[in-house]
C-alpha atoms as a PDB file:
ATOM      1  CA  MET A   1      59.292  90.616 159.317  1.00  0.00           C
ATOM      2  CA  SER A   2      59.798  86.909 160.050  1.00  0.00           C
ATOM      3  CA  VAL A   3      62.728  86.800 157.632  1.00  0.00           C
ATOM      4  CA  ILE A   4      64.594  89.361 159.732  1.00  0.00           C
ATOM      5  CA  ILE A   5      64.094  87.269 162.845  1.00  0.00           C
ATOM      6  CA  VAL A   6      65.346  84.128 161.098  1.00  0.00           C
ATOM      7  CA  LEU A   7      68.407  85.959 159.763  1.00  0.00           C
ATOM      8  CA  LEU A   8      69.107  87.469 163.181  1.00  0.00           C
ATOM      9  CA  ILE A   9      68.959  84.061 164.858  1.00  0.00           C
ATOM     10  CA  ALA A  10      71.158  82.539 162.155  1.00  0.00           C
ATOM     11  CA  SER A  11      73.782  85.285 162.392  1.00  0.00           C
ATOM     12  CA  ILE A  12      73.921  85.098 166.188  1.00  0.00           C
ATOM     13  CA  SER A  13      74.297  81.307 165.951  1.00  0.00           C
ATOM     14  CA  VAL A  14      77.182  81.575 163.487  1.00  0.00           C
ATOM     15  CA  ALA A  15      78.866  84.239 165.652  1.00  0.00           C
ATOM     16  CA  ALA A  16      78.510  81.999 168.721  1.00  0.00           C
ATOM     17  CA  ILE A  17      80.071  79.074 166.842  1.00  0.00           C
ATOM     18  CA  PHE A  18      83.066  81.192 165.789  1.00  0.00           C
ATOM     19  CA  LEU A  19      83.460  82.535 169.340  1.00  0.00           C
ATOM     20  CA  PHE A  20      83.395  78.985 170.720  1.00  0.00           C
ATOM     21  CA  ALA A  21      86.006  77.858 168.158  1.00  0.00           C
ATOM     22  CA  PHE A  22      88.263  80.785 169.007  1.00  0.00           C
ATOM     23  CA  LEU A  23      88.026  80.202 172.757  1.00  0.00           C
ATOM     24  CA  TRP A  24      88.654  76.480 172.257  1.00  0.00           C
ATOM     25  CA  SER A  25      91.802  77.176 170.200  1.00  0.00           C
ATOM     26  CA  VAL A  26      93.117  79.640 172.805  1.00  0.00           C
ATOM     27  CA  LYS A  27      92.467  77.113 175.585  1.00  0.00           C
ATOM     28  CA  ASN A  28      94.350  74.386 173.696  1.00  0.00           C
ATOM     29  CA  GLY A  29      97.439  76.576 173.210  1.00  0.00           C
ATOM     30  CA  GLN A  30      97.137  77.400 169.526  1.00  0.00           C
ATOM     31  CA  TYR A  31      98.587  80.878 170.036  1.00  0.00           C
ATOM     32  CA  LYS A  32     101.273  80.137 172.656  1.00  0.00           C
ATOM     33  CA  ASP A  33     104.288  80.207 170.323  1.00  0.00           C
ATOM     34  CA  GLU A  34     105.570  83.768 170.638  1.00  0.00           C
ATOM     35  CA  ILE A  35     109.230  83.141 169.802  1.00  0.00           C
ATOM     36  CA  SER A  36     109.454  81.388 166.451  1.00  0.00           C
ATOM     37  CA  PRO A  37     107.343  83.670 164.202  1.00  0.00           C
ATOM     38  CA  PRO A  38     109.735  86.672 164.504  1.00  0.00           C
ATOM     39  CA  VAL A  39     112.862  84.568 163.920  1.00  0.00           C
ATOM     40  CA  ARG A  40     111.413  82.172 161.342  1.00  0.00           C
ATOM     41  CA  ILE A  41     112.281  84.541 158.510  1.00  0.00           C
ATOM     42  CA  LEU A  42     115.962  84.456 159.471  1.00  0.00           C
ATOM     43  CA  PHE A  43     116.419  80.787 158.607  1.00  0.00           C
ATOM     44  CA  ASP A  44     116.163  78.995 155.277  1.00  0.00           C
ATOM     45  CA  ASP A  45     113.530  76.295 155.098  1.00  0.00           C
ATOM     46  CA  ALA A  46     115.346  74.095 152.616  1.00  0.00           C
ATOM     47  CA  THR A  47     118.566  73.985 150.688  1.00  0.00           C
ATOM     48  CA  PRO A  48     118.420  75.845 147.393  1.00  0.00           C
ATOM     49  CA  THR A  49     117.934  73.670 144.359  1.00  0.00           C
ATOM     50  CA  VAL A  50     120.273  73.860 141.413  1.00  0.00           C
ATOM     51  CA  GLN A  51     118.477  74.549 138.184  1.00  0.00           C
ATOM     52  CA  GLN A  52     119.878  72.817 135.136  1.00  0.00           C
ATOM     53  CA  GLN A  53     120.702  74.912 132.141  1.00  0.00           C
ATOM     54  CA  PRO A  54     118.780  73.903 129.021  1.00  0.00           C
ATOM     55  CA  THR A  55     121.015  72.120 126.521  1.00  0.00           C
ATOM     56  CA  GLU A  56     121.001  73.034 122.896  1.00  0.00           C
ATOM     57  CA  GLU A  57     119.660  70.257 120.725  1.00  0.00           C
ATOM     58  CA  LYS A  58     121.489  69.575 117.502  1.00  0.00           C
ATOM     59  CA  ASN A  59     119.431  69.583 114.361  1.00  0.00           C
ATOM     60  CA  THR A  60     120.098  66.243 112.620  1.00  0.00           C
ATOM     61  CA  ASN A  61     118.096  67.164 109.504  1.00  0.00           C
ATOM     62  CA  GLU A  62     120.824  69.328 107.992  1.00  0.00           C
END
């Protein structure tokens, strides 16, 4: 029976820590950017890289 009490206290403590972290991040403006996520997909992040074609090596043993 004491194991259940210990696990209950531990789970409530972990839940309280996650709730505190979430409220802290909301208070500090972590989720304020509502404009850029929908339009971020419309723009390229970087210029495309040109891939070099593999060159054929000549066999010098012939």
